[in-house]
PDB file of N, CA and C in Angstrom:
ATOM      1  N   MET A   1     -38.880 -10.884  50.703  1.00  0.00           N
ATOM      2  CA  MET A   1     -39.078  -9.536  50.910  1.00  0.00           C
ATOM      3  C   MET A   1     -38.298  -9.185  52.349  1.00  0.00           C
ATOM      4  N   LYS A   2     -38.130 -10.137  53.190  1.00  0.00           N
ATOM      5  CA  LYS A   2     -37.513  -9.921  54.370  1.00  0.00           C
ATOM      6  C   LYS A   2     -36.041  -9.479  54.298  1.00  0.00           C
ATOM      7  N   ILE A   3     -35.439 -10.104  53.302  1.00  0.00           N
ATOM      8  CA  ILE A   3     -34.136  -9.921  53.026  1.00  0.00           C
ATOM      9  C   ILE A   3     -33.852  -8.435  52.499  1.00  0.00           C
ATOM     10  N   PHE A   4     -34.702  -7.938  51.778  1.00  0.00           N
ATOM     11  CA  PHE A   4     -34.693  -6.517  51.312  1.00  0.00           C
ATOM     12  C   PHE A   4     -34.868  -5.497  52.460  1.00  0.00           C
ATOM     13  N   THR A   5     -35.635  -5.959  53.431  1.00  0.00           N
ATOM     14  CA  THR A   5     -35.903  -4.942  54.456  1.00  0.00           C
ATOM     15  C   THR A   5     -34.529  -4.986  55.420  1.00  0.00           C
ATOM     16  N   GLN A   6     -34.031  -6.021  55.466  1.00  0.00           N
ATOM     17  CA  GLN A   6     -32.710  -6.188  56.285  1.00  0.00           C
ATOM     18  C   GLN A   6     -31.646  -5.373  55.590  1.00  0.00           C
ATOM     19  N   ILE A   7     -31.445  -5.684  54.347  1.00  0.00           N
ATOM     20  CA  ILE A   7     -30.464  -4.764  53.544  1.00  0.00           C
ATOM     21  C   ILE A   7     -30.657  -3.377  53.627  1.00  0.00           C
ATOM     22  N   ILE A   8     -31.991  -2.785  53.556  1.00  0.00           N
ATOM     23  CA  ILE A   8     -32.118  -1.451  53.629  1.00  0.00           C
ATOM     24  C   ILE A   8     -31.837  -0.933  55.028  1.00  0.00           C
ATOM     25  N   ALA A   9     -32.136  -1.787  56.011  1.00  0.00           N
ATOM     26  CA  ALA A   9     -31.783  -1.299  57.400  1.00  0.00           C
ATOM     27  C   ALA A   9     -30.239  -1.294  57.588  1.00  0.00           C
ATOM     28  N   VAL A  10     -29.702  -2.115  57.000  1.00  0.00           N
ATOM     29  CA  VAL A  10     -28.013  -2.062  56.987  1.00  0.00           C
ATOM     30  C   VAL A  10     -27.637  -0.892  56.279  1.00  0.00           C
ATOM     31  N   VAL A  11     -28.133  -0.714  55.188  1.00  0.00           N
ATOM     32  CA  VAL A  11     -27.563   0.468  54.419  1.00  0.00           C
ATOM     33  C   VAL A  11     -27.930   1.881  55.027  1.00  0.00           C
ATOM     34  N   SER A  12     -29.077   1.837  55.661  1.00  0.00           N
ATOM     35  CA  SER A  12     -29.383   2.911  56.453  1.00  0.00           C
ATOM     36  C   SER A  12     -28.489   3.307  57.627  1.00  0.00           C
ATOM     37  N   ILE A  13     -28.061   2.263  58.349  1.00  0.00           N
ATOM     38  CA  ILE A  13     -27.124   2.466  59.369  1.00  0.00           C
ATOM     39  C   ILE A  13     -25.906   3.002  58.805  1.00  0.00           C
ATOM     40  N   ILE A  14     -25.325   2.428  57.774  1.00  0.00           N
ATOM     41  CA  ILE A  14     -24.155   2.765  57.193  1.00  0.00           C
ATOM     42  C   ILE A  14     -24.198   4.320  56.991  1.00  0.00           C
ATOM     43  N   ILE A  15     -25.211   4.834  56.269  1.00  0.00           N
ATOM     44  CA  ILE A  15     -25.224   6.316  55.881  1.00  0.00           C
ATOM     45  C   ILE A  15     -25.071   7.197  57.086  1.00  0.00           C
ATOM     46  N   PHE A  16     -25.310   6.747  58.230  1.00  0.00           N
ATOM     47  CA  PHE A  16     -24.959   7.524  59.238  1.00  0.00           C
ATOM     48  C   PHE A  16     -23.739   7.682  59.784  1.00  0.00           C
ATOM     49  N   SER A  17     -22.832   6.678  59.228  1.00  0.00           N
ATOM     50  CA  SER A  17     -21.512   6.543  59.839  1.00  0.00           C
ATOM     51  C   SER A  17     -20.355   6.504  58.700  1.00  0.00           C
ATOM     52  N   SER A  18     -20.752   6.883  57.550  1.00  0.00           N
ATOM     53  CA  SER A  18     -19.806   7.020  56.499  1.00  0.00           C
ATOM     54  C   SER A  18     -19.539   8.240  55.899  1.00  0.00           C
ATOM     55  N   SER A  19     -18.375   8.397  55.318  1.00  0.00           N
ATOM     56  CA  SER A  19     -18.041   9.578  54.648  1.00  0.00           C
ATOM     57  C   SER A  19     -18.573   9.696  53.282  1.00  0.00           C
ATOM     58  N   CYS A  20     -18.175  10.920  52.612  1.00  0.00           N
ATOM     59  CA  CYS A  20     -19.007  11.051  51.412  1.00  0.00           C
ATOM     60  C   CYS A  20     -17.818  10.929  50.216  1.00  0.00           C
ATOM     61  N   GLY A  21     -16.510  10.619  50.633  1.00  0.00           N
ATOM     62  CA  GLY A  21     -15.549  10.579  49.710  1.00  0.00           C
ATOM     63  C   GLY A  21     -15.040   9.086  49.180  1.00  0.00           C
ATOM     64  N   GLY A  22     -16.045   8.483  48.663  1.00  0.00           N
ATOM     65  CA  GLY A  22     -15.607   7.146  47.989  1.00  0.00           C
ATOM     66  C   GLY A  22     -15.946   5.961  48.985  1.00  0.00           C
ATOM     67  N   TRP A  23     -15.600   4.719  48.729  1.00  0.00           N
ATOM     68  CA  TRP A  23     -15.840   3.577  49.573  1.00  0.00           C
ATOM     69  C   TRP A  23     -14.546   3.381  50.245  1.00  0.00           C
ATOM     70  N   SER A  24     -14.561   3.897  51.412  1.00  0.00           N
ATOM     71  CA  SER A  24     -13.627   3.633  52.375  1.00  0.00           C
ATOM     72  C   SER A  24     -13.449   2.264  52.938  1.00  0.00           C
ATOM     73  N   LYS A  25     -12.527   2.101  53.601  1.00  0.00           N
ATOM     74  CA  LYS A  25     -12.297   0.504  54.142  1.00  0.00           C
ATOM     75  C   LYS A  25     -13.316   0.421  55.207  1.00  0.00           C
ATOM     76  N   LYS A  26     -13.496   1.467  55.927  1.00  0.00           N
ATOM     77  CA  LYS A  26     -14.469   1.656  57.023  1.00  0.00           C
ATOM     78  C   LYS A  26     -15.834   1.371  56.623  1.00  0.00           C
ATOM     79  N   ASP A  27     -16.297   1.991  55.422  1.00  0.00           N
ATOM     80  CA  ASP A  27     -17.491   1.864  54.839  1.00  0.00           C
ATOM     81  C   ASP A  27     -17.834   0.395  54.528  1.00  0.00           C
ATOM     82  N   LYS A  28     -16.949  -0.159  53.818  1.00  0.00           N
ATOM     83  CA  LYS A  28     -16.982  -1.534  53.535  1.00  0.00           C
ATOM     84  C   LYS A  28     -17.134  -2.702  54.666  1.00  0.00           C
ATOM     85  N   GLU A  29     -16.212  -2.451  55.907  1.00  0.00           N
ATOM     86  CA  GLU A  29     -16.375  -3.080  57.044  1.00  0.00           C
ATOM     87  C   GLU A  29     -17.660  -2.918  57.759  1.00  0.00           C
ATOM     88  N   ILE A  30     -18.179  -1.632  57.637  1.00  0.00           N
ATOM     89  CA  ILE A  30     -19.478  -1.551  58.611  1.00  0.00           C
ATOM     90  C   ILE A  30     -20.689  -2.111  57.707  1.00  0.00           C
ATOM     91  N   TYR A  31     -20.618  -2.265  56.478  1.00  0.00           N
ATOM     92  CA  TYR A  31     -21.597  -2.736  55.549  1.00  0.00           C
ATOM     93  C   TYR A  31     -21.641  -4.272  55.845  1.00  0.00           C
ATOM     94  N   LEU A  32     -20.394  -4.838  55.893  1.00  0.00           N
ATOM     95  CA  LEU A  32     -20.285  -6.371  55.956  1.00  0.00           C
ATOM     96  C   LEU A  32     -20.644  -6.771  57.220  1.00  0.00           C
ATOM     97  N   ASN A  33     -20.118  -6.047  58.359  1.00  0.00           N
ATOM     98  CA  ASN A  33     -20.756  -6.278  59.812  1.00  0.00           C
ATOM     99  C   ASN A  33     -22.162  -6.225  60.016  1.00  0.00           C
ATOM    100  N   GLU A  34     -22.624  -5.214  59.411  1.00  0.00           N
ATOM    101  CA  GLU A  34     -24.099  -5.039  59.756  1.00  0.00           C
ATOM    102  C   GLU A  34     -25.009  -6.149  58.867  1.00  0.00           C
ATOM    103  N   CYS A  35     -24.464  -6.406  57.736  1.00  0.00           N
ATOM    104  CA  CYS A  35     -25.089  -7.519  56.802  1.00  0.00           C
ATOM    105  C   CYS A  35     -25.138  -8.795  57.530  1.00  0.00           C
ATOM    106  N   LYS A  36     -23.946  -9.079  58.134  1.00  0.00           N
ATOM    107  CA  LYS A  36     -23.924 -10.387  58.966  1.00  0.00           C
ATOM    108  C   LYS A  36     -24.657 -10.320  60.224  1.00  0.00           C
ATOM    109  N   ARG A  37     -24.737  -9.078  60.799  1.00  0.00           N
ATOM    110  CA  ARG A  37     -25.532  -8.922  62.033  1.00  0.00           C
ATOM    111  C   ARG A  37     -26.783  -9.295  61.767  1.00  0.00           C
ATOM    112  N   ALA A  38     -27.321  -8.884  60.601  1.00  0.00           N
ATOM    113  CA  ALA A  38     -28.791  -9.047  60.223  1.00  0.00           C
ATOM    114  C   ALA A  38     -29.038 -10.673  59.849  1.00  0.00           C
ATOM    115  N   LYS A  39     -27.983 -11.452  60.191  1.00  0.00           N
ATOM    116  CA  LYS A  39     -27.887 -12.966  59.836  1.00  0.00           C
ATOM    117  C   LYS A  39     -28.174 -13.336  58.463  1.00  0.00           C
ATOM    118  N   LEU A  40     -27.405 -12.526  57.540  1.00  0.00           N
ATOM    119  CA  LEU A  40     -27.299 -12.820  56.109  1.00  0.00           C
ATOM    120  C   LEU A  40     -26.162 -13.536  55.973  1.00  0.00           C
ATOM    121  N   ASP A  41     -26.061 -14.506  54.860  1.00  0.00           N
ATOM    122  CA  ASP A  41     -25.090 -15.284  54.552  1.00  0.00           C
ATOM    123  C   ASP A  41     -23.841 -14.400  54.213  1.00  0.00           C
ATOM    124  N   SER A  42     -22.640 -14.688  54.579  1.00  0.00           N
ATOM    125  CA  SER A  42     -21.446 -13.718  54.085  1.00  0.00           C
ATOM    126  C   SER A  42     -21.224 -13.793  52.636  1.00  0.00           C
ATOM    127  N   LEU A  43     -21.444 -14.945  52.039  1.00  0.00           N
ATOM    128  CA  LEU A  43     -21.245 -14.895  50.565  1.00  0.00           C
ATOM    129  C   LEU A  43     -22.144 -13.751  49.905  1.00  0.00           C
ATOM    130  N   PHE A  44     -23.374 -13.778  50.477  1.00  0.00           N
ATOM    131  CA  PHE A  44     -24.409 -12.887  50.047  1.00  0.00           C
ATOM    132  C   PHE A  44     -24.066 -11.457  50.394  1.00  0.00           C
ATOM    133  N   CYS A  45     -23.524 -11.171  51.494  1.00  0.00           N
ATOM    134  CA  CYS A  45     -22.965  -9.639  51.968  1.00  0.00           C
ATOM    135  C   CYS A  45     -21.970  -9.338  51.028  1.00  0.00           C
ATOM    136  N   ASN A  46     -20.973 -10.222  50.741  1.00  0.00           N
ATOM    137  CA  ASN A  46     -19.787  -9.904  49.897  1.00  0.00           C
ATOM    138  C   ASN A  46     -20.249  -9.683  48.558  1.00  0.00           C
ATOM    139  N   CYS A  47     -21.311 -10.448  48.010  1.00  0.00           N
ATOM    140  CA  CYS A  47     -21.678 -10.210  46.536  1.00  0.00           C
ATOM    141  C   CYS A  47     -22.546  -9.005  46.538  1.00  0.00           C
ATOM    142  N   SER A  48     -23.298  -8.677  47.488  1.00  0.00           N
ATOM    143  CA  SER A  48     -24.101  -7.458  47.362  1.00  0.00           C
ATOM    144  C   SER A  48     -23.159  -6.141  47.657  1.00  0.00           C
ATOM    145  N   LEU A  49     -22.159  -6.208  48.366  1.00  0.00           N
ATOM    146  CA  LEU A  49     -21.257  -5.030  48.543  1.00  0.00           C
ATOM    147  C   LEU A  49     -20.535  -4.793  47.212  1.00  0.00           C
ATOM    148  N   GLU A  50     -19.957  -5.961  46.687  1.00  0.00           N
ATOM    149  CA  GLU A  50     -19.225  -5.926  45.445  1.00  0.00           C
ATOM    150  C   GLU A  50     -20.022  -5.249  44.258  1.00  0.00           C
ATOM    151  N   LYS A  51     -21.381  -5.589  44.204  1.00  0.00           N
ATOM    152  CA  LYS A  51     -22.173  -5.138  43.245  1.00  0.00           C
ATOM    153  C   LYS A  51     -22.560  -3.745  43.473  1.00  0.00           C
ATOM    154  N   ILE A  52     -22.791  -3.361  44.491  1.00  0.00           N
ATOM    155  CA  ILE A  52     -23.123  -1.942  44.901  1.00  0.00           C
ATOM    156  C   ILE A  52     -21.876  -1.128  44.769  1.00  0.00           C
ATOM    157  N   MET A  53     -20.753  -1.603  45.128  1.00  0.00           N
ATOM    158  CA  MET A  53     -19.608  -0.645  44.881  1.00  0.00           C
ATOM    159  C   MET A  53     -19.214  -0.510  43.467  1.00  0.00           C
ATOM    160  N   SER A  54     -19.468  -1.557  42.572  1.00  0.00           N
ATOM    161  CA  SER A  54     -19.117  -1.497  41.071  1.00  0.00           C
ATOM    162  C   SER A  54     -20.035  -0.640  40.455  1.00  0.00           C
ATOM    163  N   ARG A  55     -21.302  -0.429  40.906  1.00  0.00           N
ATOM    164  CA  ARG A  55     -22.415   0.392  40.330  1.00  0.00           C
ATOM    165  C   ARG A  55     -22.135   1.696  40.705  1.00  0.00           C
ATOM    166  N   TYR A  56     -21.808   2.011  41.905  1.00  0.00           N
ATOM    167  CA  TYR A  56     -21.693   3.544  42.444  1.00  0.00           C
ATOM    168  C   TYR A  56     -20.357   3.816  42.982  1.00  0.00           C
ATOM    169  N   ALA A  57     -19.890   5.062  42.700  1.00  0.00           N
ATOM    170  CA  ALA A  57     -18.443   5.657  42.975  1.00  0.00           C
ATOM    171  C   ALA A  57     -18.531   5.691  44.520  1.00  0.00           C
ATOM    172  N   ASN A  58     -19.404   6.029  45.213  1.00  0.00           N
ATOM    173  CA  ASN A  58     -19.160   6.042  46.509  1.00  0.00           C
ATOM    174  C   ASN A  58     -20.499   5.785  47.396  1.00  0.00           C
ATOM    175  N   PHE A  59     -20.403   5.832  48.604  1.00  0.00           N
ATOM    176  CA  PHE A  59     -21.584   5.456  49.343  1.00  0.00           C
ATOM    177  C   PHE A  59     -22.805   6.541  49.280  1.00  0.00           C
ATOM    178  N   GLU A  60     -22.429   7.589  49.156  1.00  0.00           N
ATOM    179  CA  GLU A  60     -23.522   8.616  49.040  1.00  0.00           C
ATOM    180  C   GLU A  60     -24.323   8.583  47.782  1.00  0.00           C
ATOM    181  N   GLU A  61     -23.533   8.253  46.616  1.00  0.00           N
ATOM    182  CA  GLU A  61     -24.284   8.051  45.256  1.00  0.00           C
ATOM    183  C   GLU A  61     -25.154   6.657  45.460  1.00  0.00           C
ATOM    184  N   ALA A  62     -24.692   5.645  46.123  1.00  0.00           N
ATOM    185  CA  ALA A  62     -25.437   4.501  46.220  1.00  0.00           C
ATOM    186  C   ALA A  62     -26.756   4.712  47.009  1.00  0.00           C
ATOM    187  N   MET A  63     -26.731   5.625  48.228  1.00  0.00           N
ATOM    188  CA  MET A  63     -27.691   6.050  48.811  1.00  0.00           C
ATOM    189  C   MET A  63     -28.709   6.758  48.096  1.00  0.00           C
ATOM    190  N   ARG A  64     -28.424   7.561  47.151  1.00  0.00           N
ATOM    191  CA  ARG A  64     -29.287   8.305  46.158  1.00  0.00           C
ATOM    192  C   ARG A  64     -29.968   7.423  45.156  1.00  0.00           C
ATOM    193  N   ASN A  65     -29.556   6.225  45.311  1.00  0.00           N
ATOM    194  CA  ASN A  65     -30.216   5.268  44.166  1.00  0.00           C
ATOM    195  C   ASN A  65     -30.664   3.976  44.924  1.00  0.00           C
ATOM    196  N   GLU A  66     -31.147   4.020  46.049  1.00  0.00           N
ATOM    197  CA  GLU A  66     -31.569   2.984  46.815  1.00  0.00           C
ATOM    198  C   GLU A  66     -32.482   2.087  46.032  1.00  0.00           C
ATOM    199  N   GLU A  67     -33.352   2.834  45.196  1.00  0.00           N
ATOM    200  CA  GLU A  67     -34.358   2.068  44.542  1.00  0.00           C
ATOM    201  C   GLU A  67     -33.869   0.938  43.601  1.00  0.00           C
ATOM    202  N   ASP A  68     -32.436   1.010  43.345  1.00  0.00           N
ATOM    203  CA  ASP A  68     -31.901  -0.074  42.457  1.00  0.00           C
ATOM    204  C   ASP A  68     -31.518  -1.300  43.389  1.00  0.00           C
ATOM    205  N   PHE A  69     -31.501  -1.184  44.671  1.00  0.00           N
ATOM    206  CA  PHE A  69     -30.952  -2.309  45.438  1.00  0.00           C
ATOM    207  C   PHE A  69     -31.699  -3.592  45.200  1.00  0.00           C
ATOM    208  N   PRO A  70     -33.169  -3.678  45.112  1.00  0.00           N
ATOM    209  CA  PRO A  70     -33.441  -4.861  45.164  1.00  0.00           C
ATOM    210  C   PRO A  70     -33.148  -5.658  43.858  1.00  0.00           C
ATOM    211  N   GLU A  71     -33.083  -5.011  42.771  1.00  0.00           N
ATOM    212  CA  GLU A  71     -32.272  -5.719  41.623  1.00  0.00           C
ATOM    213  C   GLU A  71     -31.159  -6.390  41.910  1.00  0.00           C
ATOM    214  N   ILE A  72     -30.196  -5.601  42.541  1.00  0.00           N
ATOM    215  CA  ILE A  72     -28.867  -5.966  42.944  1.00  0.00           C
ATOM    216  C   ILE A  72     -28.975  -7.230  43.984  1.00  0.00           C
ATOM    217  N   LEU A  73     -29.816  -7.102  44.915  1.00  0.00           N
ATOM    218  CA  LEU A  73     -29.782  -8.045  45.818  1.00  0.00           C
ATOM    219  C   LEU A  73     -30.448  -9.392  45.324  1.00  0.00           C
ATOM    220  N   VAL A  74     -31.410  -9.372  44.372  1.00  0.00           N
ATOM    221  CA  VAL A  74     -31.942 -10.435  43.760  1.00  0.00           C
ATOM    222  C   VAL A  74     -31.003 -11.304  42.930  1.00  0.00           C
ATOM    223  N   SER A  75     -29.887 -10.487  42.326  1.00  0.00           N
ATOM    224  CA  SER A  75     -28.891 -11.001  41.498  1.00  0.00           C
ATOM    225  C   SER A  75     -27.999 -11.716  42.395  1.00  0.00           C
ATOM    226  N   CYS A  76     -27.726 -11.279  43.572  1.00  0.00           N
ATOM    227  CA  CYS A  76     -26.787 -12.078  44.463  1.00  0.00           C
ATOM    228  C   CYS A  76     -27.329 -13.233  44.983  1.00  0.00           C
ATOM    229  N   LYS A  77     -28.817 -13.251  45.210  1.00  0.00           N
ATOM    230  CA  LYS A  77     -29.553 -14.375  45.687  1.00  0.00           C
ATOM    231  C   LYS A  77     -29.423 -15.360  44.638  1.00  0.00           C
ATOM    232  N   GLN A  78     -29.472 -15.163  43.349  1.00  0.00           N
ATOM    233  CA  GLN A  78     -29.667 -16.019  42.281  1.00  0.00           C
ATOM    234  C   GLN A  78     -28.153 -16.680  42.081  1.00  0.00           C
ATOM    235  N   ASP A  79     -27.212 -15.942  42.337  1.00  0.00           N
ATOM    236  CA  ASP A  79     -25.810 -16.566  42.147  1.00  0.00           C
ATOM    237  C   ASP A  79     -25.278 -17.493  42.853  1.00  0.00           C
TER     238      ASP A  79
END
């Protein structure tokens, strides 16, 4: 459960600093930096970012569907 709290915190930080027009390079860098700052494994951070980006067209859409994140995060933890 701790990992979910950390990822939700990371995602919340990103929402305040991202644009609405797709997954910019900056959005991805911010996500990865905050994920790693939360002391999460870089493989996990990359996996979760890739799965979130493949499911949602942009950051704003991902934030509207935050309730799906636990499923995504569990799938990365199992990989």
